[in-house]
Protein backbone atom coordinates (compact mmCIF):
# COMPACT_ATOMS: atom_id res chain seq x y z
CA MET A 1 96.01 91.51 126.07
CA THR A 2 96.27 95.46 126.55
CA ASP A 3 98.98 97.31 128.45
CA GLU A 4 97.23 100.16 130.31
CA THR A 5 100.47 101.97 131.03
CA SER A 6 102.26 104.05 128.54
CA ARG A 7 106.01 105.37 128.34
CA ALA A 8 107.36 108.06 126.39
CA LEU A 9 110.79 108.10 124.93
CA GLY A 10 113.01 111.20 125.60
CA ALA A 11 114.57 112.74 122.52
CA THR A 12 118.12 111.04 123.06
CA SER A 13 116.43 107.51 123.34
CA LEU A 14 114.26 108.15 120.34
CA SER A 15 117.12 109.25 118.29
CA GLN A 16 119.06 106.23 119.22
CA LEU A 17 116.41 103.84 118.39
CA MET A 18 115.08 105.66 115.35
CA PRO A 19 117.69 107.85 113.80
CA MET A 20 115.44 108.65 110.92
CA HIS A 21 112.48 109.73 112.82
CA VAL A 22 110.49 112.91 112.50
CA GLY A 23 108.65 114.54 115.31
CA VAL A 24 105.55 116.31 114.77
CA CYS A 25 103.26 118.23 117.03
CA VAL A 26 99.43 118.27 116.71
CA GLN A 27 99.60 121.57 114.75
CA GLY A 28 101.67 119.69 112.02
CA ARG A 29 104.94 121.35 112.69
CA ILE A 30 108.16 119.52 112.79
CA THR A 31 109.56 119.38 116.44
CA SER A 32 112.47 116.96 116.14
CA LEU A 33 114.50 114.94 113.55
CA GLY A 34 116.70 111.87 114.16
CA PRO A 35 120.34 112.47 113.71
CA THR A 36 120.69 110.51 110.37
CA LEU A 37 117.71 112.52 108.80
CA ALA A 38 118.98 115.70 110.15
CA LYS A 39 122.37 114.86 108.49
CA LEU A 40 120.69 114.05 104.99
CA MET A 41 118.60 117.25 105.24
CA GLY A 42 121.66 119.42 105.87
CA THR A 43 121.36 122.92 107.32
CA PRO A 44 118.99 124.95 108.01
CA LEU A 45 117.08 122.17 109.79
CA PRO A 46 113.14 122.45 109.31
CA ILE A 47 112.23 122.69 113.04
CA GLY A 48 109.04 124.57 113.35
CA GLN A 49 108.05 124.11 109.71
CA GLU A 50 105.01 122.42 108.48
CA PHE A 51 105.59 118.78 107.92
CA LEU A 52 103.68 118.59 104.66
CA SER A 53 105.51 121.62 103.30
CA ILE A 54 108.80 119.67 103.71
CA PHE A 55 107.83 116.05 103.06
CA ALA A 56 105.71 114.62 100.32
CA LEU A 57 103.27 111.87 101.40
CA ARG A 58 103.59 109.26 98.55
CA ARG A 59 101.06 106.70 100.24
CA PRO A 60 98.27 107.13 101.02
CA THR A 61 97.79 109.28 98.06
CA THR A 62 94.63 110.74 99.26
CA VAL A 63 95.82 112.79 102.21
CA THR A 64 96.02 116.55 101.50
CA ASN A 65 96.28 118.11 104.98
CA PHE A 66 97.58 117.33 108.40
CA ASP A 67 94.17 116.34 109.93
CA GLU A 68 93.86 113.67 107.20
CA LEU A 69 97.29 112.41 108.01
CA LEU A 70 96.55 112.24 111.77
CA ALA A 71 93.51 110.03 110.76
CA CYS A 72 96.02 107.65 109.27
CA ALA A 73 97.50 106.75 112.57
CA GLY A 74 98.63 103.31 112.90
CA ARG A 75 98.92 102.86 109.11
CA LYS A 76 102.06 102.48 106.99
CA LEU A 77 103.11 105.76 105.47
CA GLN A 78 105.55 106.40 102.68
CA ILE A 79 107.20 109.72 102.59
CA SER A 80 109.98 111.54 100.81
CA LEU A 81 111.66 114.94 101.05
CA SER A 82 109.80 117.50 98.87
CA GLY A 83 111.45 118.12 95.52
CA VAL A 84 113.42 115.01 95.87
CA PRO A 85 112.45 112.07 93.51
């Protein structure tokens, strides 16, 4: 069964449902952070910076650029903050 309708969550709803989310635009830049993740990261927030310069992709290990990351849509990813073990 497929649902042919789609719905988008606003920033407030997304932050309430997923407080550790990272919003990324198609150019690979960070557009939003959930409140818990923002608190952990401190200031200044990396809004507008490249996702792969702030976060390290641990799995899959073969991804080296944002286009390859987009190709992983629907797969489980493991990320961490760059420079944090």
